Amino acid sequence: MKVELSKFRVKEGKSKRVDEWMELLNTHMNEVLLTLKDEKMHVEAIFRERNEEGEFLYWFSVQGEGGISVEESEHEIDKKHLAFWYECIDEEYNEPVITTEVVMIPEHIRKAME
């Protein structure tokens, strides 16, 4: 099982597009949840931060082994999601290394995730 937290900078001037992106994911949640099965993604959450350094999105995920990547997905919602990603995420930003130190998931829930 892989538990991750990642931080990405939003490109300058793309805040409104990020609003649209997050709205797309929230309003099409049934489609989004269908894609998670292929990725063996048990939990995925996106957080947003705005501060004097800019705007950032954080991804938190709990993923099983052997799932496909979102780039391999044939689901239309994933294609739209990736289009927003490439438009809005600053690929030149050196994202910080955020290391998983402790994972607190009760055994009965871990077993359900296998």
PDB file of N, CA and C in Angstrom:
ATOM      1  N   MET A   1       0.835  -1.168   0.000  1.00  0.00           N
ATOM      2  CA  MET A   1       0.000   0.000   0.000  1.00  0.00           C
ATOM      3  C   MET A   1       0.888   1.243   0.000  1.00  0.00           C
ATOM      4  N   LYS A   2       0.506   2.241  -0.791  1.00  0.00           N
ATOM      5  CA  LYS A   2       1.261   3.471  -0.927  1.00  0.00           C
ATOM      6  C   LYS A   2       0.423   4.632  -0.390  1.00  0.00           C
ATOM      7  N   VAL A   3       0.956   5.348   0.594  1.00  0.00           N
ATOM      8  CA  VAL A   3       0.285   6.505   1.166  1.00  0.00           C
ATOM      9  C   VAL A   3       1.141   7.720   0.852  1.00  0.00           C
ATOM     10  N   GLU A   4       0.556   8.707   0.168  1.00  0.00           N
ATOM     11  CA  GLU A   4       1.341   9.850  -0.295  1.00  0.00           C
ATOM     12  C   GLU A   4       0.635  11.171  -0.067  1.00  0.00           C
ATOM     13  N   LEU A   5       1.448  12.202   0.090  1.00  0.00           N
ATOM     14  CA  LEU A   5       0.997  13.584   0.082  1.00  0.00           C
ATOM     15  C   LEU A   5       1.933  14.326  -0.861  1.00  0.00           C
ATOM     16  N   SER A   6       1.373  15.010  -1.845  1.00  0.00           N
ATOM     17  CA  SER A   6       2.182  15.736  -2.825  1.00  0.00           C
ATOM     18  C   SER A   6       1.676  17.165  -2.938  1.00  0.00           C
ATOM     19  N   LYS A   7       2.608  18.085  -3.219  1.00  0.00           N
ATOM     20  CA  LYS A   7       2.279  19.509  -3.333  1.00  0.00           C
ATOM     21  C   LYS A   7       2.666  19.993  -4.725  1.00  0.00           C
ATOM     22  N   PHE A   8       1.733  20.714  -5.376  1.00  0.00           N
ATOM     23  CA  PHE A   8       1.965  21.226  -6.722  1.00  0.00           C
ATOM     24  C   PHE A   8       1.567  22.697  -6.786  1.00  0.00           C
ATOM     25  N   ARG A   9       2.368  23.493  -7.480  1.00  0.00           N
ATOM     26  CA  ARG A   9       2.054  24.917  -7.648  1.00  0.00           C
ATOM     27  C   ARG A   9       1.109  25.100  -8.838  1.00  0.00           C
ATOM     28  N   VAL A  10       0.130  25.963  -8.640  1.00  0.00           N
ATOM     29  CA  VAL A  10      -0.784  26.352  -9.713  1.00  0.00           C
ATOM     30  C   VAL A  10      -0.115  27.475 -10.508  1.00  0.00           C
ATOM     31  N   LYS A  11      -0.195  27.392 -11.829  1.00  0.00           N
ATOM     32  CA  LYS A  11       0.366  28.436 -12.683  1.00  0.00           C
ATOM     33  C   LYS A  11      -0.333  29.771 -12.403  1.00  0.00           C
ATOM     34  N   GLU A  12       0.442  30.829 -12.498  1.00  0.00           N
ATOM     35  CA  GLU A  12      -0.085  32.183 -12.319  1.00  0.00           C
ATOM     36  C   GLU A  12      -1.255  32.424 -13.282  1.00  0.00           C
ATOM     37  N   GLY A  13      -2.341  32.986 -12.772  1.00  0.00           N
ATOM     38  CA  GLY A  13      -3.496  33.319 -13.604  1.00  0.00           C
ATOM     39  C   GLY A  13      -4.446  32.163 -13.873  1.00  0.00           C
ATOM     40  N   LYS A  14      -4.223  31.006 -13.265  1.00  0.00           N
ATOM     41  CA  LYS A  14      -5.053  29.830 -13.543  1.00  0.00           C
ATOM     42  C   LYS A  14      -6.033  29.494 -12.418  1.00  0.00           C
ATOM     43  N   SER A  15      -6.218  30.410 -11.470  1.00  0.00           N
ATOM     44  CA  SER A  15      -7.079  30.142 -10.327  1.00  0.00           C
ATOM     45  C   SER A  15      -8.522  29.838 -10.741  1.00  0.00           C
ATOM     46  N   LYS A  16      -9.059  30.615 -11.680  1.00  0.00           N
ATOM     47  CA  LYS A  16     -10.441  30.376 -12.145  1.00  0.00           C
ATOM     48  C   LYS A  16     -10.568  29.013 -12.819  1.00  0.00           C
ATOM     49  N   ARG A  17      -9.546  28.629 -13.563  1.00  0.00           N
ATOM     50  CA  ARG A  17      -9.574  27.316 -14.221  1.00  0.00           C
ATOM     51  C   ARG A  17      -9.503  26.193 -13.186  1.00  0.00           C
ATOM     52  N   VAL A  18      -8.747  26.419 -12.102  1.00  0.00           N
ATOM     53  CA  VAL A  18      -8.712  25.430 -11.027  1.00  0.00           C
ATOM     54  C   VAL A  18     -10.092  25.324 -10.388  1.00  0.00           C
ATOM     55  N   ASP A  19     -10.785  26.463 -10.221  1.00  0.00           N
ATOM     56  CA  ASP A  19     -12.171  26.427  -9.716  1.00  0.00           C
ATOM     57  C   ASP A  19     -13.024  25.510 -10.596  1.00  0.00           C
ATOM     58  N   GLU A  20     -12.904  25.676 -11.913  1.00  0.00           N
ATOM     59  CA  GLU A  20     -13.673  24.861 -12.869  1.00  0.00           C
ATOM     60  C   GLU A  20     -13.267  23.400 -12.782  1.00  0.00           C
ATOM     61  N   TRP A  21     -11.984  23.134 -12.615  1.00  0.00           N
ATOM     62  CA  TRP A  21     -11.459  21.776 -12.503  1.00  0.00           C
ATOM     63  C   TRP A  21     -12.030  21.078 -11.282  1.00  0.00           C
ATOM     64  N   MET A  22     -11.967  21.748 -10.148  1.00  0.00           N
ATOM     65  CA  MET A  22     -12.475  21.149  -8.909  1.00  0.00           C
ATOM     66  C   MET A  22     -13.989  20.950  -8.990  1.00  0.00           C
ATOM     67  N   GLU A  23     -14.684  21.894  -9.642  1.00  0.00           N
ATOM     68  CA  GLU A  23     -16.126  21.746  -9.839  1.00  0.00           C
ATOM     69  C   GLU A  23     -16.429  20.535 -10.723  1.00  0.00           C
ATOM     70  N   LEU A  24     -15.647  20.357 -11.781  1.00  0.00           N
ATOM     71  CA  LEU A  24     -15.821  19.192 -12.658  1.00  0.00           C
ATOM     72  C   LEU A  24     -15.710  17.898 -11.855  1.00  0.00           C
ATOM     73  N   LEU A  25     -14.668  17.789 -11.052  1.00  0.00           N
ATOM     74  CA  LEU A  25     -14.480  16.563 -10.267  1.00  0.00           C
ATOM     75  C   LEU A  25     -15.615  16.364  -9.265  1.00  0.00           C
ATOM     76  N   ASN A  26     -16.021  17.430  -8.593  1.00  0.00           N
ATOM     77  CA  ASN A  26     -17.095  17.319  -7.600  1.00  0.00           C
ATOM     78  C   ASN A  26     -18.454  17.004  -8.222  1.00  0.00           C
ATOM     79  N   THR A  27     -18.745  17.584  -9.371  1.00  0.00           N
ATOM     80  CA  THR A  27     -20.058  17.359  -9.987  1.00  0.00           C
ATOM     81  C   THR A  27     -20.132  16.056 -10.788  1.00  0.00           C
ATOM     82  N   HIS A  28     -18.995  15.437 -11.043  1.00  0.00           N
ATOM     83  CA  HIS A  28     -18.956  14.155 -11.761  1.00  0.00           C
ATOM     84  C   HIS A  28     -18.364  13.060 -10.880  1.00  0.00           C
ATOM     85  N   MET A  29     -18.665  13.120  -9.592  1.00  0.00           N
ATOM     86  CA  MET A  29     -18.046  12.217  -8.629  1.00  0.00           C
ATOM     87  C   MET A  29     -18.316  10.746  -8.951  1.00  0.00           C
ATOM     88  N   ASN A  30     -19.494  10.407  -9.441  1.00  0.00           N
ATOM     89  CA  ASN A  30     -19.763   8.995  -9.780  1.00  0.00           C
ATOM     90  C   ASN A  30     -18.787   8.485 -10.836  1.00  0.00           C
ATOM     91  N   GLU A  31     -18.515   9.312 -11.846  1.00  0.00           N
ATOM     92  CA  GLU A  31     -17.550   8.933 -12.876  1.00  0.00           C
ATOM     93  C   GLU A  31     -16.136   8.862 -12.308  1.00  0.00           C
ATOM     94  N   VAL A  32     -15.797   9.825 -11.466  1.00  0.00           N
ATOM     95  CA  VAL A  32     -14.474   9.861 -10.848  1.00  0.00           C
ATOM     96  C   VAL A  32     -14.249   8.595 -10.026  1.00  0.00           C
ATOM     97  N   LEU A  33     -15.224   8.229  -9.222  1.00  0.00           N
ATOM     98  CA  LEU A  33     -15.074   7.057  -8.360  1.00  0.00           C
ATOM     99  C   LEU A  33     -14.898   5.774  -9.167  1.00  0.00           C
ATOM    100  N   LEU A  34     -15.508   5.701 -10.345  1.00  0.00           N
ATOM    101  CA  LEU A  34     -15.321   4.524 -11.203  1.00  0.00           C
ATOM    102  C   LEU A  34     -13.874   4.380 -11.662  1.00  0.00           C
ATOM    103  N   THR A  35     -13.199   5.496 -11.874  1.00  0.00           N
ATOM    104  CA  THR A  35     -11.815   5.439 -12.357  1.00  0.00           C
ATOM    105  C   THR A  35     -10.853   4.973 -11.268  1.00  0.00           C
ATOM    106  N   LEU A  36     -11.219   5.223 -10.017  1.00  0.00           N
ATOM    107  CA  LEU A  36     -10.317   4.874  -8.917  1.00  0.00           C
ATOM    108  C   LEU A  36     -10.072   3.368  -8.824  1.00  0.00           C
ATOM    109  N   LYS A  37     -11.058   2.593  -9.215  1.00  0.00           N
ATOM    110  CA  LYS A  37     -10.910   1.132  -9.156  1.00  0.00           C
ATOM    111  C   LYS A  37      -9.735   0.659 -10.015  1.00  0.00           C
ATOM    112  N   ASP A  38      -9.644   1.179 -11.230  1.00  0.00           N
ATOM    113  CA  ASP A  38      -8.556   0.794 -12.136  1.00  0.00           C
ATOM    114  C   ASP A  38      -7.181   1.186 -11.580  1.00  0.00           C
ATOM    115  N   GLU A  39      -7.158   2.293 -10.839  1.00  0.00           N
ATOM    116  CA  GLU A  39      -5.903   2.789 -10.266  1.00  0.00           C
ATOM    117  C   GLU A  39      -5.577   2.123  -8.924  1.00  0.00           C
ATOM    118  N   LYS A  40      -6.513   1.314  -8.440  1.00  0.00           N
ATOM    119  CA  LYS A  40      -6.409   0.726  -7.092  1.00  0.00           C
ATOM    120  C   LYS A  40      -6.224   1.834  -6.048  1.00  0.00           C
ATOM    121  N   MET A  41      -6.919   2.941  -6.305  1.00  0.00           N
ATOM    122  CA  MET A  41      -6.875   4.101  -5.426  1.00  0.00           C
ATOM    123  C   MET A  41      -8.013   3.962  -4.410  1.00  0.00           C
ATOM    124  N   HIS A  42      -7.641   3.804  -3.149  1.00  0.00           N
ATOM    125  CA  HIS A  42      -8.630   3.618  -2.091  1.00  0.00           C
ATOM    126  C   HIS A  42      -9.151   4.943  -1.563  1.00  0.00           C
ATOM    127  N   VAL A  43      -8.277   5.918  -1.463  1.00  0.00           N
ATOM    128  CA  VAL A  43      -8.634   7.251  -0.977  1.00  0.00           C
ATOM    129  C   VAL A  43      -7.819   8.271  -1.771  1.00  0.00           C
ATOM    130  N   GLU A  44      -8.492   9.307  -2.232  1.00  0.00           N
ATOM    131  CA  GLU A  44      -7.781  10.406  -2.874  1.00  0.00           C
ATOM    132  C   GLU A  44      -8.505  11.690  -2.507  1.00  0.00           C
ATOM    133  N   ALA A  45      -7.765  12.677  -2.052  1.00  0.00           N
ATOM    134  CA  ALA A  45      -8.337  13.974  -1.686  1.00  0.00           C
ATOM    135  C   ALA A  45      -7.420  15.067  -2.188  1.00  0.00           C
ATOM    136  N   ILE A  46      -8.023  16.171  -2.623  1.00  0.00           N
ATOM    137  CA  ILE A  46      -7.271  17.324  -3.109  1.00  0.00           C
ATOM    138  C   ILE A  46      -7.555  18.492  -2.171  1.00  0.00           C
ATOM    139  N   PHE A  47      -6.473  19.138  -1.720  1.00  0.00           N
ATOM    140  CA  PHE A  47      -6.570  20.307  -0.855  1.00  0.00           C
ATOM    141  C   PHE A  47      -5.980  21.499  -1.604  1.00  0.00           C
ATOM    142  N   ARG A  48      -6.441  22.687  -1.247  1.00  0.00           N
ATOM    143  CA  ARG A  48      -5.989  23.905  -1.929  1.00  0.00           C
ATOM    144  C   ARG A  48      -5.462  24.899  -0.901  1.00  0.00           C
ATOM    145  N   GLU A  49      -4.364  25.542  -1.251  1.00  0.00           N
ATOM    146  CA  GLU A  49      -3.771  26.555  -0.380  1.00  0.00           C
ATOM    147  C   GLU A  49      -3.462  27.795  -1.200  1.00  0.00           C
ATOM    148  N   ARG A  50      -3.800  28.955  -0.651  1.00  0.00           N
ATOM    149  CA  ARG A  50      -3.416  30.233  -1.253  1.00  0.00           C
ATOM    150  C   ARG A  50      -2.673  31.019  -0.181  1.00  0.00           C
ATOM    151  N   ASN A  51      -1.480  31.490  -0.523  1.00  0.00           N
ATOM    152  CA  ASN A  51      -0.709  32.297   0.413  1.00  0.00           C
ATOM    153  C   ASN A  51       0.157  33.273  -0.369  1.00  0.00           C
ATOM    154  N   GLU A  52       1.045  33.984   0.325  1.00  0.00           N
ATOM    155  CA  GLU A  52       1.878  34.991  -0.320  1.00  0.00           C
ATOM    156  C   GLU A  52       2.838  34.395  -1.356  1.00  0.00           C
ATOM    157  N   GLU A  53       3.080  33.093  -1.296  1.00  0.00           N
ATOM    158  CA  GLU A  53       3.975  32.433  -2.259  1.00  0.00           C
ATOM    159  C   GLU A  53       3.248  31.973  -3.509  1.00  0.00           C
ATOM    160  N   GLY A  54       1.922  31.997  -3.486  1.00  0.00           N
ATOM    161  CA  GLY A  54       1.149  31.565  -4.643  1.00  0.00           C
ATOM    162  C   GLY A  54       0.007  30.658  -4.256  1.00  0.00           C
ATOM    163  N   GLU A  55      -0.412  29.863  -5.209  1.00  0.00           N
ATOM    164  CA  GLU A  55      -1.526  28.928  -5.010  1.00  0.00           C
ATOM    165  C   GLU A  55      -1.005  27.518  -5.233  1.00  0.00           C
ATOM    166  N   PHE A  56      -1.444  26.603  -4.366  1.00  0.00           N
ATOM    167  CA  PHE A  56      -0.951  25.235  -4.411  1.00  0.00           C
ATOM    168  C   PHE A  56      -2.098  24.259  -4.255  1.00  0.00           C
ATOM    169  N   LEU A  57      -1.937  23.102  -4.896  1.00  0.00           N
ATOM    170  CA  LEU A  57      -2.842  21.977  -4.686  1.00  0.00           C
ATOM    171  C   LEU A  57      -2.044  20.849  -4.054  1.00  0.00           C
ATOM    172  N   TYR A  58      -2.648  20.210  -3.072  1.00  0.00           N
ATOM    173  CA  TYR A  58      -2.056  19.059  -2.405  1.00  0.00           C
ATOM    174  C   TYR A  58      -2.910  17.843  -2.705  1.00  0.00           C
ATOM    175  N   TRP A  59      -2.264  16.746  -3.050  1.00  0.00           N
ATOM    176  CA  TRP A  59      -2.951  15.480  -3.258  1.00  0.00           C
ATOM    177  C   TRP A  59      -2.580  14.535  -2.114  1.00  0.00           C
ATOM    178  N   PHE A  60      -3.602  13.988  -1.473  1.00  0.00           N
ATOM    179  CA  PHE A  60      -3.400  12.939  -0.474  1.00  0.00           C
ATOM    180  C   PHE A  60      -4.006  11.675  -1.047  1.00  0.00           C
ATOM    181  N   SER A  61      -3.272  10.568  -0.985  1.00  0.00           N
ATOM    182  CA  SER A  61      -3.809   9.331  -1.550  1.00  0.00           C
ATOM    183  C   SER A  61      -3.350   8.104  -0.775  1.00  0.00           C
ATOM    184  N   VAL A  62      -4.218   7.117  -0.814  1.00  0.00           N
ATOM    185  CA  VAL A  62      -3.911   5.777  -0.305  1.00  0.00           C
ATOM    186  C   VAL A  62      -4.222   4.840  -1.459  1.00  0.00           C
ATOM    187  N   GLN A  63      -3.175   4.185  -1.963  1.00  0.00           N
ATOM    188  CA  GLN A  63      -3.294   3.395  -3.184  1.00  0.00           C
ATOM    189  C   GLN A  63      -2.721   2.001  -2.984  1.00  0.00           C
ATOM    190  N   GLY A  64      -3.419   1.005  -3.520  1.00  0.00           N
ATOM    191  CA  GLY A  64      -2.925  -0.356  -3.514  1.00  0.00           C
ATOM    192  C   GLY A  64      -1.870  -0.545  -4.594  1.00  0.00           C
ATOM    193  N   GLU A  65      -1.247  -1.687  -4.582  1.00  0.00           N
ATOM    194  CA  GLU A  65      -0.200  -2.001  -5.561  1.00  0.00           C
ATOM    195  C   GLU A  65      -0.812  -2.480  -6.876  1.00  0.00           C
ATOM    196  N   GLY A  66      -0.155  -2.135  -7.978  1.00  0.00           N
ATOM    197  CA  GLY A  66      -0.511  -2.690  -9.274  1.00  0.00           C
ATOM    198  C   GLY A  66      -1.606  -1.974 -10.040  1.00  0.00           C
ATOM    199  N   GLY A  67      -2.023  -0.805  -9.599  1.00  0.00           N
ATOM    200  CA  GLY A  67      -3.041  -0.064 -10.341  1.00  0.00           C
ATOM    201  C   GLY A  67      -2.435   0.657 -11.533  1.00  0.00           C
ATOM    202  N   ILE A  68      -3.285   1.039 -12.465  1.00  0.00           N
ATOM    203  CA  ILE A  68      -2.803   1.795 -13.627  1.00  0.00           C
ATOM    204  C   ILE A  68      -2.638   3.257 -13.228  1.00  0.00           C
ATOM    205  N   SER A  69      -1.842   3.979 -13.980  1.00  0.00           N
ATOM    206  CA  SER A  69      -1.697   5.413 -13.733  1.00  0.00           C
ATOM    207  C   SER A  69      -2.838   6.145 -14.434  1.00  0.00           C
ATOM    208  N   VAL A  70      -3.129   7.343 -13.960  1.00  0.00           N
ATOM    209  CA  VAL A  70      -4.198   8.132 -14.563  1.00  0.00           C
ATOM    210  C   VAL A  70      -3.902   8.396 -16.042  1.00  0.00           C
ATOM    211  N   GLU A  71      -2.629   8.494 -16.401  1.00  0.00           N
ATOM    212  CA  GLU A  71      -2.256   8.716 -17.803  1.00  0.00           C
ATOM    213  C   GLU A  71      -2.630   7.543 -18.712  1.00  0.00           C
ATOM    214  N   GLU A  72      -2.764   6.346 -18.143  1.00  0.00           N
ATOM    215  CA  GLU A  72      -3.130   5.162 -18.922  1.00  0.00           C
ATOM    216  C   GLU A  72      -4.644   4.976 -19.036  1.00  0.00           C
ATOM    217  N   SER A  73      -5.394   5.757 -18.301  1.00  0.00           N
ATOM    218  CA  SER A  73      -6.843   5.587 -18.219  1.00  0.00           C
ATOM    219  C   SER A  73      -7.533   5.896 -19.542  1.00  0.00           C
ATOM    220  N   GLU A  74      -8.566   5.139 -19.825  1.00  0.00           N
ATOM    221  CA  GLU A  74      -9.393   5.378 -21.004  1.00  0.00           C
ATOM    222  C   GLU A  74     -10.688   6.120 -20.636  1.00  0.00           C
ATOM    223  N   HIS A  75     -10.896   6.406 -19.358  1.00  0.00           N
ATOM    224  CA  HIS A  75     -12.097   7.103 -18.908  1.00  0.00           C
ATOM    225  C   HIS A  75     -12.060   8.563 -19.358  1.00  0.00           C
ATOM    226  N   GLU A  76     -13.176   9.045 -19.882  1.00  0.00           N
ATOM    227  CA  GLU A  76     -13.262  10.422 -20.375  1.00  0.00           C
ATOM    228  C   GLU A  76     -12.999  11.445 -19.266  1.00  0.00           C
ATOM    229  N   ILE A  77     -13.475  11.179 -18.058  1.00  0.00           N
ATOM    230  CA  ILE A  77     -13.266  12.114 -16.952  1.00  0.00           C
ATOM    231  C   ILE A  77     -11.773  12.247 -16.629  1.00  0.00           C
ATOM    232  N   ASP A  78     -11.021  11.170 -16.763  1.00  0.00           N
ATOM    233  CA  ASP A  78      -9.575  11.241 -16.529  1.00  0.00           C
ATOM    234  C   ASP A  78      -8.874  12.059 -17.616  1.00  0.00           C
ATOM    235  N   LYS A  79      -9.357  11.959 -18.830  1.00  0.00           N
ATOM    236  CA  LYS A  79      -8.781  12.757 -19.919  1.00  0.00           C
ATOM    237  C   LYS A  79      -9.011  14.247 -19.665  1.00  0.00           C
ATOM    238  N   LYS A  80     -10.208  14.593 -19.186  1.00  0.00           N
ATOM    239  CA  LYS A  80     -10.504  15.988 -18.849  1.00  0.00           C
ATOM    240  C   LYS A  80      -9.652  16.435 -17.660  1.00  0.00           C
ATOM    241  N   HIS A  81      -9.529  15.563 -16.673  1.00  0.00           N
ATOM    242  CA  HIS A  81      -8.722  15.839 -15.488  1.00  0.00           C
ATOM    243  C   HIS A  81      -7.273  16.136 -15.899  1.00  0.00           C
ATOM    244  N   LEU A  82      -6.709  15.334 -16.766  1.00  0.00           N
ATOM    245  CA  LEU A  82      -5.327  15.543 -17.231  1.00  0.00           C
ATOM    246  C   LEU A  82      -5.178  16.827 -18.049  1.00  0.00           C
ATOM    247  N   ALA A  83      -6.197  17.157 -18.830  1.00  0.00           N
ATOM    248  CA  ALA A  83      -6.145  18.406 -19.602  1.00  0.00           C
ATOM    249  C   ALA A  83      -6.062  19.604 -18.661  1.00  0.00           C
ATOM    250  N   PHE A  84      -6.864  19.587 -17.594  1.00  0.00           N
ATOM    251  CA  PHE A  84      -6.774  20.648 -16.591  1.00  0.00           C
ATOM    252  C   PHE A  84      -5.395  20.641 -15.935  1.00  0.00           C
ATOM    253  N   TRP A  85      -4.900  19.452 -15.607  1.00  0.00           N
ATOM    254  CA  TRP A  85      -3.579  19.334 -14.971  1.00  0.00           C
ATOM    255  C   TRP A  85      -2.517  20.051 -15.810  1.00  0.00           C
ATOM    256  N   TYR A  86      -2.436  19.692 -17.088  1.00  0.00           N
ATOM    257  CA  TYR A  86      -1.403  20.257 -17.956  1.00  0.00           C
ATOM    258  C   TYR A  86      -1.581  21.765 -18.146  1.00  0.00           C
ATOM    259  N   GLU A  87      -2.821  22.226 -18.113  1.00  0.00           N
ATOM    260  CA  GLU A  87      -3.079  23.654 -18.252  1.00  0.00           C
ATOM    261  C   GLU A  87      -2.746  24.431 -16.970  1.00  0.00           C
ATOM    262  N   CYS A  88      -3.007  23.839 -15.815  1.00  0.00           N
ATOM    263  CA  CYS A  88      -2.982  24.588 -14.553  1.00  0.00           C
ATOM    264  C   CYS A  88      -1.788  24.336 -13.648  1.00  0.00           C
ATOM    265  N   ILE A  89      -1.125  23.191 -13.757  1.00  0.00           N
ATOM    266  CA  ILE A  89      -0.046  22.855 -12.827  1.00  0.00           C
ATOM    267  C   ILE A  89       1.299  23.278 -13.394  1.00  0.00           C
ATOM    268  N   ASP A  90       2.075  23.952 -12.569  1.00  0.00           N
ATOM    269  CA  ASP A  90       3.401  24.425 -12.942  1.00  0.00           C
ATOM    270  C   ASP A  90       4.388  23.257 -12.849  1.00  0.00           C
ATOM    271  N   GLU A  91       4.705  22.659 -13.975  1.00  0.00           N
ATOM    272  CA  GLU A  91       5.589  21.492 -14.026  1.00  0.00           C
ATOM    273  C   GLU A  91       7.041  21.849 -13.672  1.00  0.00           C
ATOM    274  N   GLU A  92       7.384  23.148 -13.701  1.00  0.00           N
ATOM    275  CA  GLU A  92       8.750  23.572 -13.397  1.00  0.00           C
ATOM    276  C   GLU A  92       8.982  23.753 -11.900  1.00  0.00           C
ATOM    277  N   TYR A  93       7.905  23.769 -11.132  1.00  0.00           N
ATOM    278  CA  TYR A  93       8.012  23.920  -9.684  1.00  0.00           C
ATOM    279  C   TYR A  93       8.649  22.672  -9.086  1.00  0.00           C
ATOM    280  N   ASN A  94       9.669  22.866  -8.287  1.00  0.00           N
ATOM    281  CA  ASN A  94      10.299  21.741  -7.611  1.00  0.00           C
ATOM    282  C   ASN A  94       9.481  21.400  -6.367  1.00  0.00           C
ATOM    283  N   GLU A  95       8.604  20.439  -6.537  1.00  0.00           N
ATOM    284  CA  GLU A  95       7.743  20.083  -5.409  1.00  0.00           C
ATOM    285  C   GLU A  95       8.581  19.539  -4.257  1.00  0.00           C
ATOM    286  N   PRO A  96       8.199  19.897  -3.049  1.00  0.00           N
ATOM    287  CA  PRO A  96       8.962  19.408  -1.903  1.00  0.00           C
ATOM    288  C   PRO A  96       8.784  17.904  -1.721  1.00  0.00           C
ATOM    289  N   VAL A  97       9.783  17.276  -1.166  1.00  0.00           N
ATOM    290  CA  VAL A  97       9.684  15.859  -0.840  1.00  0.00           C
ATOM    291  C   VAL A  97       8.955  15.762   0.496  1.00  0.00           C
ATOM    292  N   ILE A  98       7.787  15.171   0.465  1.00  0.00           N
ATOM    293  CA  ILE A  98       6.991  14.978   1.676  1.00  0.00           C
ATOM    294  C   ILE A  98       7.002  13.486   1.970  1.00  0.00           C
ATOM    295  N   THR A  99       7.667  13.112   3.024  1.00  0.00           N
ATOM    296  CA  THR A  99       7.889  11.705   3.342  1.00  0.00           C
ATOM    297  C   THR A  99       6.819  11.170   4.287  1.00  0.00           C
ATOM    298  N   THR A 100       6.293  10.018   3.970  1.00  0.00           N
ATOM    299  CA  THR A 100       5.347   9.347   4.860  1.00  0.00           C
ATOM    300  C   THR A 100       6.120   8.783   6.043  1.00  0.00           C
ATOM    301  N   GLU A 101       5.740   9.157   7.228  1.00  0.00           N
ATOM    302  CA  GLU A 101       6.423   8.706   8.438  1.00  0.00           C
ATOM    303  C   GLU A 101       5.606   7.696   9.234  1.00  0.00           C
ATOM    304  N   VAL A 102       4.307   7.904   9.323  1.00  0.00           N
ATOM    305  CA  VAL A 102       3.437   7.019  10.101  1.00  0.00           C
ATOM    306  C   VAL A 102       2.124   6.873   9.343  1.00  0.00           C
ATOM    307  N   VAL A 103       1.655   5.654   9.205  1.00  0.00           N
ATOM    308  CA  VAL A 103       0.355   5.384   8.592  1.00  0.00           C
ATOM    309  C   VAL A 103      -0.512   4.702   9.638  1.00  0.00           C
ATOM    310  N   MET A 104      -1.612   5.341   9.985  1.00  0.00           N
ATOM    311  CA  MET A 104      -2.499   4.818  11.026  1.00  0.00           C
ATOM    312  C   MET A 104      -3.816   4.374  10.394  1.00  0.00           C
ATOM    313  N   ILE A 105      -3.829   3.133   9.954  1.00  0.00           N
ATOM    314  CA  ILE A 105      -5.024   2.539   9.372  1.00  0.00           C
ATOM    315  C   ILE A 105      -5.263   1.225  10.111  1.00  0.00           C
ATOM    316  N   PRO A 106      -6.401   1.113  10.789  1.00  0.00           N
ATOM    317  CA  PRO A 106      -6.666  -0.139  11.509  1.00  0.00           C
ATOM    318  C   PRO A 106      -6.625  -1.348  10.574  1.00  0.00           C
ATOM    319  N   GLU A 107      -6.213  -2.474  11.110  1.00  0.00           N
ATOM    320  CA  GLU A 107      -6.017  -3.689  10.321  1.00  0.00           C
ATOM    321  C   GLU A 107      -7.265  -4.092   9.546  1.00  0.00           C
ATOM    322  N   HIS A 108      -8.440  -3.981  10.149  1.00  0.00           N
ATOM    323  CA  HIS A 108      -9.665  -4.402   9.445  1.00  0.00           C
ATOM    324  C   HIS A 108      -9.922  -3.515   8.210  1.00  0.00           C
ATOM    325  N   ILE A 109      -9.523  -2.273   8.266  1.00  0.00           N
ATOM    326  CA  ILE A 109      -9.672  -1.398   7.102  1.00  0.00           C
ATOM    327  C   ILE A 109      -8.597  -1.698   6.073  1.00  0.00           C
ATOM    328  N   ARG A 110      -7.372  -1.970   6.515  1.00  0.00           N
ATOM    329  CA  ARG A 110      -6.301  -2.369   5.589  1.00  0.00           C
ATOM    330  C   ARG A 110      -6.709  -3.611   4.795  1.00  0.00           C
ATOM    331  N   LYS A 111      -7.266  -4.599   5.493  1.00  0.00           N
ATOM    332  CA  LYS A 111      -7.684  -5.840   4.828  1.00  0.00           C
ATOM    333  C   LYS A 111      -8.761  -5.565   3.788  1.00  0.00           C
ATOM    334  N   ALA A 112      -9.666  -4.637   4.092  1.00  0.00           N
ATOM    335  CA  ALA A 112     -10.717  -4.293   3.137  1.00  0.00           C
ATOM    336  C   ALA A 112     -10.145  -3.604   1.900  1.00  0.00           C
ATOM    337  N   MET A 113      -8.972  -3.016   2.032  1.00  0.00           N
ATOM    338  CA  MET A 113      -8.332  -2.313   0.908  1.00  0.00           C
ATOM    339  C   MET A 113      -7.543  -3.252   0.004  1.00  0.00           C
ATOM    340  N   GLU A 114      -7.300  -4.474   0.419  1.00  0.00           N
ATOM    341  CA  GLU A 114      -6.490  -5.388  -0.387  1.00  0.00           C
ATOM    342  C   GLU A 114      -7.198  -5.880  -1.598  1.00  0.00           C
TER     343      GLU A 114
END
